Amino acid sequence: MKITPQKTLLICFLVLVVFQPIYSVRFTGSWNRKNKNWDFFARFCFQKSDKEKGNITWVFDIEQDLSLNFYDDQSNWDTIYHPDTKCSEIVKQATISESITSHKQKSYLFPNLQKYSMWYFTLSDCKNTKIQVENMHVHIWNPFKSKLSQEFSCEHQGLLALFCVYFVFFLLLTTFQSVISYRLKKLDNFHPIIRIYLYVLILRTFGIFCVMCHFGSFAQNGKGSYGLEVFGQLISTISIILFMTLLILVAKGWTISVQYILGKYVIITIMSIFLIFGIILIASAYVVLDKGSHYYALEAVPGVLYQIMRLIIMGVFLYYLRKTYLLEQISEKRNFYKKFGIVFTIWFLYFPLLVLISLGIPGIYREKVTQTFYLTFDFFTFIGMTWLLWPSTSIKFFKLVPPSLTSGESTRLKPTDGWAGLVEDDSSSSEESEEETEESNTGSTNSSEKSENSN
């Protein structure tokens, strides 16, 4: 069977859906771990509350001597949580340890919480060499009256509202750009740059929509749809790759200084590698990354490689932009390249800088802060690109007529110091017209001389 890129993406998506991590606050099913007599189960951050209490409810159908252990953020969890830690030490260091054998069905109320409190949960059976639970149900929730907030750990509080707001923002921007594109298409002026940018907006909006649906489902059942969230992140990654491709094309001067693309296979190769790193990063965040640790997905090796690849693409962007800027002779276009380079270099740099800043942010707030800045920065960047491609603005810089992707079929190239400067065929046509005029003048002169001689 021939493996195509489409089949590869589908296989990666199915793997992520099937092997999604079990770290939700509501779990029903079996729990089997061979050669391990203790295992990390979940972590949950309880919201600060003076009156209400956090809650954990469990129902186990087992015969073995199993314990459910709780660890608060005052315990030495970072020291305890290690594969070589003995089961007896895991139980000894627990803030609370409940015997499942004695209480197969129970609800536990956490004390009044004066601050945000991160709790970790493990299962242990120190008298055995494995954990085998055929049927169990565990539900942890926050002390909120609103059902839309109860299921979320406090580190995820507000993400549903955040994605709902930005879905509306991106949907309005996409609709606005679609109307402009439709009008341009009716005028037979639907340029490839505008088409690519429209695809970027559509994919980005759809990716946000998928993640929003996951959080909406999570608010209802405490499980959500991690496969849908993975798919949304994959779509958003493809959207960013298309946007980077668009930036590089503009940096090469396409439709501004030249009407064709050189080195397109180099661009395709770089973007394909970046897509592979993006898929690996998403897979590591949902399959490989240990939820019992404090590590951030972008701190791991795939995350570091992803950031390095993004910086490499920024380097390619700046290389082409500088080359185009130096060869451009029109001052107005040189000024455009300068402003374009400054704005979108900031866009390339903000994400690695945001990752570095986020490492100093407490884990309780990290995801909310990074997601807010990430969505906000991308949204205003897309607004800037929409303004740049606005017909009244783009006409100053862009040759918004359908160009050739490989060669200048409708234009004639005139080399100028190694720069393929675009010149129209008006000069050649004017020379031909002058020659025709001279020939016609010569012909008329000869005919008049002949008539005089005959007279």
Protein backbone atom coordinates (compact mmCIF):
# COMPACT_ATOMS: atom_id res chain seq x y z
CA MET A 1 0.00 0.00 0.00
CA LYS A 2 1.36 3.40 -0.98
CA ILE A 3 1.69 5.82 1.93
CA THR A 4 0.65 9.32 0.88
CA PRO A 5 1.01 12.50 2.99
CA GLN A 6 -2.77 12.51 3.49
CA LYS A 7 -2.72 8.95 4.87
CA THR A 8 0.23 9.82 7.12
CA LEU A 9 -1.68 12.75 8.67
CA LEU A 10 -4.76 10.54 9.12
CA ILE A 11 -2.72 7.82 10.87
CA CYS A 12 -1.12 10.39 13.21
CA PHE A 13 -4.55 11.80 14.06
CA LEU A 14 -6.01 8.34 14.80
CA VAL A 15 -3.02 7.47 17.01
CA LEU A 16 -3.54 10.64 19.03
CA VAL A 17 -7.26 9.95 19.38
CA VAL A 18 -6.82 6.31 20.43
CA PHE A 19 -3.91 6.90 22.82
CA GLN A 20 -5.22 10.11 24.34
CA PRO A 21 -4.07 10.58 27.95
CA ILE A 22 -6.32 9.83 30.88
CA TYR A 23 -6.04 12.96 32.99
CA SER A 24 -9.61 14.15 32.96
CA VAL A 25 -11.44 14.73 36.26
CA ARG A 26 -14.14 12.20 35.43
CA PHE A 27 -12.94 8.70 34.64
CA THR A 28 -14.91 5.49 34.09
CA GLY A 29 -13.35 2.21 33.00
CA SER A 30 -10.53 -0.19 33.86
CA TRP A 31 -7.06 0.61 35.18
CA ASN A 32 -4.40 -2.04 34.63
CA ARG A 33 -0.66 -1.57 35.23
CA LYS A 34 1.62 -4.58 35.03
CA ASN A 35 4.88 -4.68 37.02
CA LYS A 36 3.83 -1.57 38.96
CA ASN A 37 2.30 -1.51 42.43
CA TRP A 38 1.64 2.25 42.36
CA ASP A 39 0.73 4.63 39.58
CA PHE A 40 -0.06 8.30 39.04
CA PHE A 41 -3.78 8.77 38.44
CA ALA A 42 -4.63 12.47 38.07
CA ARG A 43 -3.95 16.02 39.16
CA PHE A 44 -6.48 18.72 39.89
CA CYS A 45 -6.33 22.33 41.03
CA PHE A 46 -9.10 23.36 43.41
CA GLN A 47 -10.46 26.88 43.27
CA LYS A 48 -10.07 29.23 46.23
CA SER A 49 -13.30 29.30 48.23
CA ASP A 50 -14.31 30.29 51.76
CA LYS A 51 -17.62 28.44 51.86
CA GLU A 52 -17.77 25.75 49.21
CA LYS A 53 -15.62 22.62 49.26
CA GLY A 54 -13.91 20.63 46.56
CA ASN A 55 -15.20 17.11 46.04
CA ILE A 56 -13.94 13.72 44.90
CA THR A 57 -16.30 10.76 44.50
CA TRP A 58 -15.23 7.23 43.66
CA VAL A 59 -16.78 3.82 43.06
CA PHE A 60 -14.46 0.79 42.70
CA ASP A 61 -15.29 -2.81 41.87
CA ILE A 62 -12.18 -4.61 43.16
CA GLU A 63 -11.03 -7.31 45.54
CA GLN A 64 -7.37 -6.33 46.02
CA ASP A 65 -6.08 -4.05 48.78
CA LEU A 66 -5.96 -0.77 46.86
CA SER A 67 -5.36 2.72 48.23
CA LEU A 68 -6.14 6.13 46.75
CA ASN A 69 -3.52 8.66 47.88
CA PHE A 70 -3.84 12.47 47.85
CA TYR A 71 -0.93 14.96 47.81
CA ASP A 72 -1.37 18.71 48.18
CA ASP A 73 1.01 21.39 46.92
CA GLN A 74 2.69 21.51 50.36
CA SER A 75 3.89 17.93 50.07
CA ASN A 76 7.20 16.96 48.47
CA TRP A 77 5.53 15.77 45.29
CA ASP A 78 8.44 16.68 43.01
CA THR A 79 10.74 14.57 45.17
CA ILE A 80 8.30 11.71 45.62
CA TYR A 81 7.19 11.37 42.02
CA HIS A 82 9.90 9.22 40.52
CA PRO A 83 9.77 5.73 38.93
CA ASP A 84 12.24 4.37 41.49
CA THR A 85 10.23 5.51 44.51
CA LYS A 86 9.02 2.58 46.58
CA CYS A 87 5.30 2.02 47.12
CA SER A 88 5.64 2.28 50.91
CA GLU A 89 7.24 5.72 50.54
CA ILE A 90 4.44 6.84 48.20
CA VAL A 91 1.84 5.96 50.83
CA LYS A 92 3.88 7.38 53.70
CA GLN A 93 4.32 10.80 52.05
CA ALA A 94 0.64 11.14 51.13
CA THR A 95 -1.30 14.00 52.67
CA ILE A 96 -4.39 11.76 52.76
CA SER A 97 -4.58 8.02 52.04
CA GLU A 98 -7.92 6.25 51.64
CA SER A 99 -8.30 2.48 51.62
CA ILE A 100 -10.45 1.51 48.67
CA THR A 101 -10.98 -1.95 50.15
CA SER A 102 -12.75 -0.42 53.15
CA HIS A 103 -14.49 2.33 51.19
CA LYS A 104 -15.29 1.10 47.70
CA GLN A 105 -17.80 3.91 47.31
CA LYS A 106 -17.25 7.25 48.95
CA SER A 107 -17.38 11.04 48.55
CA TYR A 108 -14.64 13.11 50.12
CA LEU A 109 -14.99 16.85 50.79
CA PHE A 110 -11.80 18.85 50.83
CA PRO A 111 -11.45 21.48 53.59
CA ASN A 112 -12.15 25.16 53.03
CA LEU A 113 -9.54 26.37 50.57
CA GLN A 114 -8.01 29.78 51.29
CA LYS A 115 -5.94 29.70 48.10
CA TYR A 116 -5.61 27.87 44.82
CA SER A 117 -4.47 24.35 45.69
CA MET A 118 -2.98 21.77 43.32
CA TRP A 119 -3.61 18.16 44.35
CA TYR A 120 -2.11 14.96 42.93
CA PHE A 121 -3.65 11.49 43.13
CA THR A 122 -2.06 8.03 42.96
CA LEU A 123 -3.29 4.44 43.17
CA SER A 124 -1.22 1.96 45.16
CA ASP A 125 -1.22 -1.68 46.25
CA CYS A 126 2.01 -2.31 48.15
CA LYS A 127 1.15 -5.97 48.79
CA ASN A 128 0.98 -6.80 45.13
CA THR A 129 3.20 -6.43 42.05
CA LYS A 130 0.58 -4.90 39.80
CA ILE A 131 -2.56 -2.78 39.78
CA GLN A 132 -5.60 -4.35 38.19
CA VAL A 133 -8.98 -2.65 38.41
CA GLU A 134 -11.65 -3.93 36.04
CA ASN A 135 -14.27 -1.32 36.79
CA MET A 136 -13.95 2.06 38.49
CA HIS A 137 -15.50 5.51 38.44
CA VAL A 138 -13.77 8.62 39.83
CA HIS A 139 -15.09 12.17 39.62
CA ILE A 140 -13.33 15.30 40.90
CA TRP A 141 -14.88 18.74 40.67
CA ASN A 142 -14.51 22.30 41.90
CA PRO A 143 -16.78 24.10 44.39
CA PHE A 144 -18.86 26.10 41.91
CA LYS A 145 -22.59 26.38 41.52
CA SER A 146 -22.25 26.87 37.76
CA LYS A 147 -22.00 23.58 35.89
CA LEU A 148 -19.88 25.29 33.22
CA SER A 149 -17.10 25.79 35.80
CA GLN A 150 -17.33 22.78 38.11
CA GLU A 151 -15.53 20.27 35.92
CA PHE A 152 -12.48 22.44 35.19
CA SER A 153 -9.31 22.43 37.23
CA CYS A 154 -8.54 26.05 38.16
CA GLU A 155 -5.57 26.06 35.74
CA HIS A 156 -8.13 25.67 32.94
CA GLN A 157 -10.75 28.02 34.32
CA GLY A 158 -11.79 30.61 31.74
CA LEU A 159 -10.41 28.81 28.68
CA LEU A 160 -13.90 28.01 27.40
CA ALA A 161 -14.90 31.69 27.53
CA LEU A 162 -11.55 32.72 25.99
CA PHE A 163 -11.96 30.42 22.98
CA CYS A 164 -15.62 31.41 22.57
CA VAL A 165 -14.67 35.11 22.41
CA TYR A 166 -11.83 34.61 19.94
CA PHE A 167 -13.88 32.24 17.83
CA VAL A 168 -16.37 35.09 17.34
CA PHE A 169 -13.52 37.54 16.58
CA PHE A 170 -11.86 35.25 14.03
CA LEU A 171 -15.23 34.31 12.51
CA LEU A 172 -16.06 37.99 11.93
CA LEU A 173 -12.62 38.62 10.40
CA THR A 174 -12.92 35.54 8.18
CA THR A 175 -16.41 36.55 7.05
CA PHE A 176 -15.18 40.06 6.28
CA GLN A 177 -12.25 38.73 4.22
CA SER A 178 -14.53 36.24 2.46
CA VAL A 179 -16.82 39.06 1.31
CA ILE A 180 -13.83 40.97 -0.06
CA SER A 181 -12.52 37.83 -1.80
CA TYR A 182 -15.94 37.14 -3.33
CA ARG A 183 -16.13 40.63 -4.79
CA LEU A 184 -12.60 40.39 -6.16
CA LYS A 185 -13.41 37.02 -7.72
CA LYS A 186 -16.43 38.50 -9.47
CA LEU A 187 -14.13 41.20 -10.83
CA ASP A 188 -11.73 38.46 -11.99
CA ASN A 189 -9.05 39.85 -9.68
CA PHE A 190 -8.83 37.09 -7.05
CA HIS A 191 -5.06 37.06 -6.59
CA PRO A 192 -3.26 33.92 -5.23
CA ILE A 193 -1.92 35.92 -2.26
CA ILE A 194 -5.47 36.84 -1.21
CA ARG A 195 -6.58 33.25 -1.77
CA ILE A 196 -3.79 31.85 0.44
CA TYR A 197 -4.58 34.38 3.16
CA LEU A 198 -8.27 33.46 3.06
CA TYR A 199 -7.34 29.78 3.54
CA VAL A 200 -5.18 30.79 6.51
CA LEU A 201 -8.11 32.56 8.18
CA ILE A 202 -10.56 29.73 7.49
CA LEU A 203 -8.22 27.08 8.92
CA ARG A 204 -7.33 29.18 11.97
CA THR A 205 -11.00 29.84 12.74
CA PHE A 206 -11.90 26.18 12.30
CA GLY A 207 -9.03 25.11 14.59
CA ILE A 208 -10.25 27.49 17.33
CA PHE A 209 -13.78 26.16 16.82
CA CYS A 210 -12.63 22.55 17.39
CA VAL A 211 -10.80 23.43 20.63
CA MET A 212 -13.82 25.46 21.78
CA CYS A 213 -16.10 22.46 21.19
CA HIS A 214 -13.75 20.28 23.25
CA PHE A 215 -13.89 22.67 26.21
CA GLY A 216 -17.66 22.98 25.84
CA SER A 217 -18.02 19.21 25.98
CA PHE A 218 -15.60 19.07 28.93
CA ALA A 219 -17.75 21.56 30.83
CA GLN A 220 -20.72 19.22 30.45
CA ASN A 221 -19.25 15.79 31.14
CA GLY A 222 -15.74 16.32 32.58
CA LYS A 223 -14.19 14.35 29.72
CA GLY A 224 -14.47 16.44 26.59
CA SER A 225 -13.11 15.24 23.28
CA TYR A 226 -9.34 15.23 23.25
CA GLY A 227 -9.34 13.89 19.70
CA LEU A 228 -11.23 17.00 18.62
CA GLU A 229 -8.79 19.22 20.51
CA VAL A 230 -5.83 17.49 18.83
CA PHE A 231 -7.47 17.93 15.44
CA GLY A 232 -8.06 21.62 16.14
CA GLN A 233 -4.42 22.15 17.12
CA LEU A 234 -3.27 20.31 13.99
CA ILE A 235 -5.47 22.52 11.80
CA SER A 236 -4.13 25.64 13.56
CA THR A 237 -0.56 24.45 12.93
CA ILE A 238 -1.29 24.02 9.21
CA SER A 239 -2.80 27.52 9.22
CA ILE A 240 0.38 28.99 10.73
CA ILE A 241 2.50 27.13 8.17
CA LEU A 242 0.45 28.60 5.30
CA PHE A 243 0.81 32.05 6.86
CA MET A 244 4.60 31.66 7.11
CA THR A 245 4.66 30.55 3.47
CA LEU A 246 2.73 33.68 2.53
CA LEU A 247 5.20 35.87 4.44
CA ILE A 248 8.17 34.26 2.68
CA LEU A 249 6.54 34.75 -0.72
CA VAL A 250 6.06 38.44 0.00
CA ALA A 251 9.64 38.64 1.32
CA LYS A 252 10.84 37.23 -2.01
CA GLY A 253 9.04 40.12 -3.68
CA TRP A 254 6.32 38.06 -5.34
CA THR A 255 3.82 40.37 -7.07
CA ILE A 256 5.72 43.39 -5.68
CA SER A 257 9.05 43.20 -7.48
CA VAL A 258 8.74 39.95 -9.44
CA GLN A 259 5.88 38.07 -11.02
CA TYR A 260 7.16 34.54 -10.48
CA ILE A 261 8.54 32.37 -7.66
CA LEU A 262 12.08 31.04 -7.56
CA GLY A 263 13.10 28.27 -5.14
CA LYS A 264 9.57 27.12 -4.41
CA TYR A 265 10.73 23.56 -3.65
CA VAL A 266 13.03 24.88 -0.93
CA ILE A 267 10.06 26.64 0.68
CA ILE A 268 7.91 23.49 0.42
CA THR A 269 10.67 21.37 2.02
CA ILE A 270 11.16 23.78 4.94
CA MET A 271 7.44 24.02 5.63
CA SER A 272 7.02 20.23 5.44
CA ILE A 273 9.75 19.77 8.06
CA PHE A 274 8.06 22.38 10.26
CA LEU A 275 4.74 20.51 9.93
CA ILE A 276 6.45 17.28 11.02
CA PHE A 277 7.85 19.03 14.10
CA GLY A 278 4.41 20.46 14.83
CA ILE A 279 2.82 17.00 14.72
CA ILE A 280 5.55 15.59 16.97
CA LEU A 281 5.00 18.44 19.44
CA ILE A 282 1.25 17.81 19.58
CA ALA A 283 1.81 14.07 19.96
CA SER A 284 4.32 14.58 22.77
CA ALA A 285 1.94 16.90 24.63
CA TYR A 286 -0.89 14.34 24.60
CA VAL A 287 0.90 10.99 24.60
CA VAL A 288 4.47 11.29 25.86
CA LEU A 289 4.41 14.18 28.35
CA ASP A 290 3.85 12.98 31.91
CA LYS A 291 0.92 14.84 33.48
CA GLY A 292 2.26 14.10 36.92
CA SER A 293 5.25 16.36 36.33
CA HIS A 294 5.46 20.14 36.12
CA TYR A 295 7.07 20.08 32.70
CA TYR A 296 5.60 22.29 30.01
CA ALA A 297 5.12 20.70 26.56
CA LEU A 298 7.42 23.28 24.95
CA GLU A 299 10.15 22.54 27.53
CA ALA A 300 10.55 19.00 26.20
CA VAL A 301 12.85 18.12 23.29
CA PRO A 302 10.09 18.29 20.62
CA GLY A 303 9.08 21.72 21.89
CA VAL A 304 12.65 23.02 21.74
CA LEU A 305 13.08 21.66 18.20
CA TYR A 306 9.79 23.30 17.23
CA GLN A 307 11.05 26.68 18.47
CA ILE A 308 14.40 26.24 16.70
CA MET A 309 12.59 25.40 13.45
CA ARG A 310 10.43 28.50 13.81
CA LEU A 311 13.57 30.64 14.25
CA ILE A 312 15.14 28.99 11.18
CA ILE A 313 12.08 29.93 9.14
CA MET A 314 12.39 33.47 10.48
CA GLY A 315 16.01 33.45 9.29
CA VAL A 316 14.91 32.36 5.80
CA PHE A 317 12.27 35.10 5.82
CA LEU A 318 14.84 37.78 6.77
CA TYR A 319 17.37 36.48 4.21
CA TYR A 320 14.94 36.76 1.33
CA LEU A 321 13.60 40.08 2.59
CA ARG A 322 17.08 41.63 2.83
CA LYS A 323 18.00 40.36 -0.63
CA THR A 324 14.81 41.77 -2.11
CA TYR A 325 15.25 45.07 -0.24
CA LEU A 326 18.80 45.59 -1.52
CA LEU A 327 17.85 44.86 -5.13
CA GLU A 328 14.71 47.00 -5.11
CA GLN A 329 15.25 50.46 -6.63
CA ILE A 330 11.88 52.09 -5.99
CA SER A 331 12.06 53.97 -2.68
CA GLU A 332 8.36 53.50 -1.87
CA LYS A 333 8.66 49.72 -2.16
CA ARG A 334 11.89 49.71 -0.15
CA ASN A 335 10.04 51.54 2.62
CA PHE A 336 7.27 48.93 2.42
CA TYR A 337 9.76 46.06 2.79
CA LYS A 338 11.33 47.76 5.81
CA LYS A 339 8.01 48.14 7.66
CA PHE A 340 6.87 44.68 6.58
CA GLY A 341 10.08 43.13 7.91
CA ILE A 342 9.88 44.89 11.28
CA VAL A 343 6.23 43.95 11.92
CA PHE A 344 6.45 40.29 10.96
CA THR A 345 9.87 39.71 12.54
CA ILE A 346 8.16 40.67 15.79
CA TRP A 347 5.46 38.12 14.95
CA PHE A 348 8.10 35.41 14.47
CA LEU A 349 9.86 36.32 17.72
CA TYR A 350 6.89 36.76 20.03
CA PHE A 351 6.14 33.04 20.37
CA PRO A 352 9.63 31.93 21.52
CA LEU A 353 9.74 34.94 23.86
CA LEU A 354 6.29 34.04 25.19
CA VAL A 355 7.49 30.50 25.89
CA LEU A 356 10.51 31.82 27.83
CA ILE A 357 8.30 34.18 29.85
CA SER A 358 5.78 31.43 30.56
CA LEU A 359 8.47 29.32 32.24
CA GLY A 360 8.46 31.84 35.07
CA ILE A 361 4.67 31.89 35.40
CA PRO A 362 3.14 29.57 38.05
CA GLY A 363 1.60 26.45 36.54
CA ILE A 364 -1.86 27.46 37.76
CA TYR A 365 -1.87 30.53 35.49
CA ARG A 366 0.52 29.46 32.71
CA GLU A 367 -1.88 28.01 30.15
CA LYS A 368 -4.44 30.79 30.54
CA VAL A 369 -1.80 33.52 30.14
CA THR A 370 -0.05 31.92 27.17
CA GLN A 371 -3.29 31.11 25.33
CA THR A 372 -4.56 34.66 25.85
CA PHE A 373 -1.39 36.26 24.46
CA TYR A 374 -1.15 33.67 21.67
CA LEU A 375 -4.68 34.25 20.38
CA THR A 376 -4.53 38.04 20.87
CA PHE A 377 -1.21 38.46 19.06
CA ASP A 378 -2.30 36.27 16.14
CA PHE A 379 -5.62 38.09 15.84
CA PHE A 380 -4.04 41.55 15.61
CA THR A 381 -1.42 40.20 13.21
CA PHE A 382 -4.18 38.95 10.92
CA ILE A 383 -5.94 42.30 11.18
CA GLY A 384 -2.70 43.91 9.98
CA MET A 385 -2.48 41.50 7.05
CA THR A 386 -6.12 42.19 6.17
CA TRP A 387 -5.32 45.91 6.03
CA LEU A 388 -2.22 45.21 3.95
CA LEU A 389 -4.27 43.26 1.40
CA TRP A 390 -7.09 45.82 1.38
CA PRO A 391 -7.60 46.84 -2.29
CA SER A 392 -6.94 50.55 -1.71
CA THR A 393 -3.74 49.73 0.25
CA SER A 394 -2.40 46.82 -1.74
CA ILE A 395 -2.64 48.66 -5.05
CA LYS A 396 0.28 50.84 -3.92
CA PHE A 397 2.64 47.89 -3.59
CA PHE A 398 1.15 44.72 -5.07
CA LYS A 399 0.65 43.87 -8.70
CA LEU A 400 -2.66 42.21 -7.92
CA VAL A 401 -3.11 40.52 -11.28
CA PRO A 402 -2.84 36.75 -11.70
CA PRO A 403 0.92 36.11 -12.08
CA SER A 404 2.76 33.06 -13.32
CA LEU A 405 4.04 30.82 -10.55
CA THR A 406 7.10 29.68 -12.46
CA SER A 407 7.85 32.12 -15.23
CA GLY A 408 6.88 35.56 -16.33
CA GLU A 409 4.62 34.73 -19.24
CA SER A 410 2.85 38.09 -19.39
CA THR A 411 5.99 40.16 -18.75
CA ARG A 412 9.44 40.57 -20.18
CA LEU A 413 12.43 40.39 -17.84
CA LYS A 414 15.21 42.90 -18.09
CA PRO A 415 18.32 41.99 -16.06
CA THR A 416 19.60 44.87 -13.94
CA ASP A 417 22.73 44.05 -11.92
CA GLY A 418 21.59 40.46 -11.51
CA TRP A 419 18.06 41.58 -10.51
CA ALA A 420 15.20 40.38 -12.66
CA GLY A 421 13.47 43.74 -12.81
CA LEU A 422 10.03 43.62 -14.27
CA VAL A 423 9.35 45.82 -17.28
CA GLU A 424 6.30 45.71 -19.41
CA ASP A 425 6.43 45.05 -23.14
CA ASP A 426 5.42 48.62 -23.85
CA SER A 427 9.00 49.56 -24.84
CA SER A 428 9.21 46.78 -27.44
CA SER A 429 5.79 47.56 -28.76
CA SER A 430 6.67 51.27 -28.97
CA GLU A 431 9.87 50.43 -30.88
CA GLU A 432 7.88 48.30 -33.29
CA SER A 433 5.35 51.08 -33.77
CA GLU A 434 8.16 53.56 -34.46
CA GLU A 435 9.65 51.23 -37.06
CA GLU A 436 6.25 50.82 -38.69
CA THR A 437 5.80 54.60 -38.69
CA GLU A 438 9.18 55.10 -40.34
CA GLU A 439 8.40 52.44 -42.94
CA SER A 440 5.03 54.02 -43.67
CA ASN A 441 6.66 57.45 -43.93
CA THR A 442 9.33 56.05 -46.29
CA GLY A 443 6.68 54.34 -48.35
CA SER A 444 4.61 57.50 -48.66
CA THR A 445 7.71 59.51 -49.65
CA ASN A 446 8.63 57.03 -52.38
CA SER A 447 5.10 56.98 -53.73
CA SER A 448 5.00 60.80 -53.89
CA GLU A 449 8.34 60.87 -55.76
CA LYS A 450 7.05 58.34 -58.29
CA SER A 451 3.91 60.41 -58.89
CA GLU A 452 5.97 63.53 -59.48
CA ASN A 453 8.19 61.74 -61.99
CA SER A 454 5.22 60.43 -63.90
CA ASN A 455 3.80 63.95 -64.12
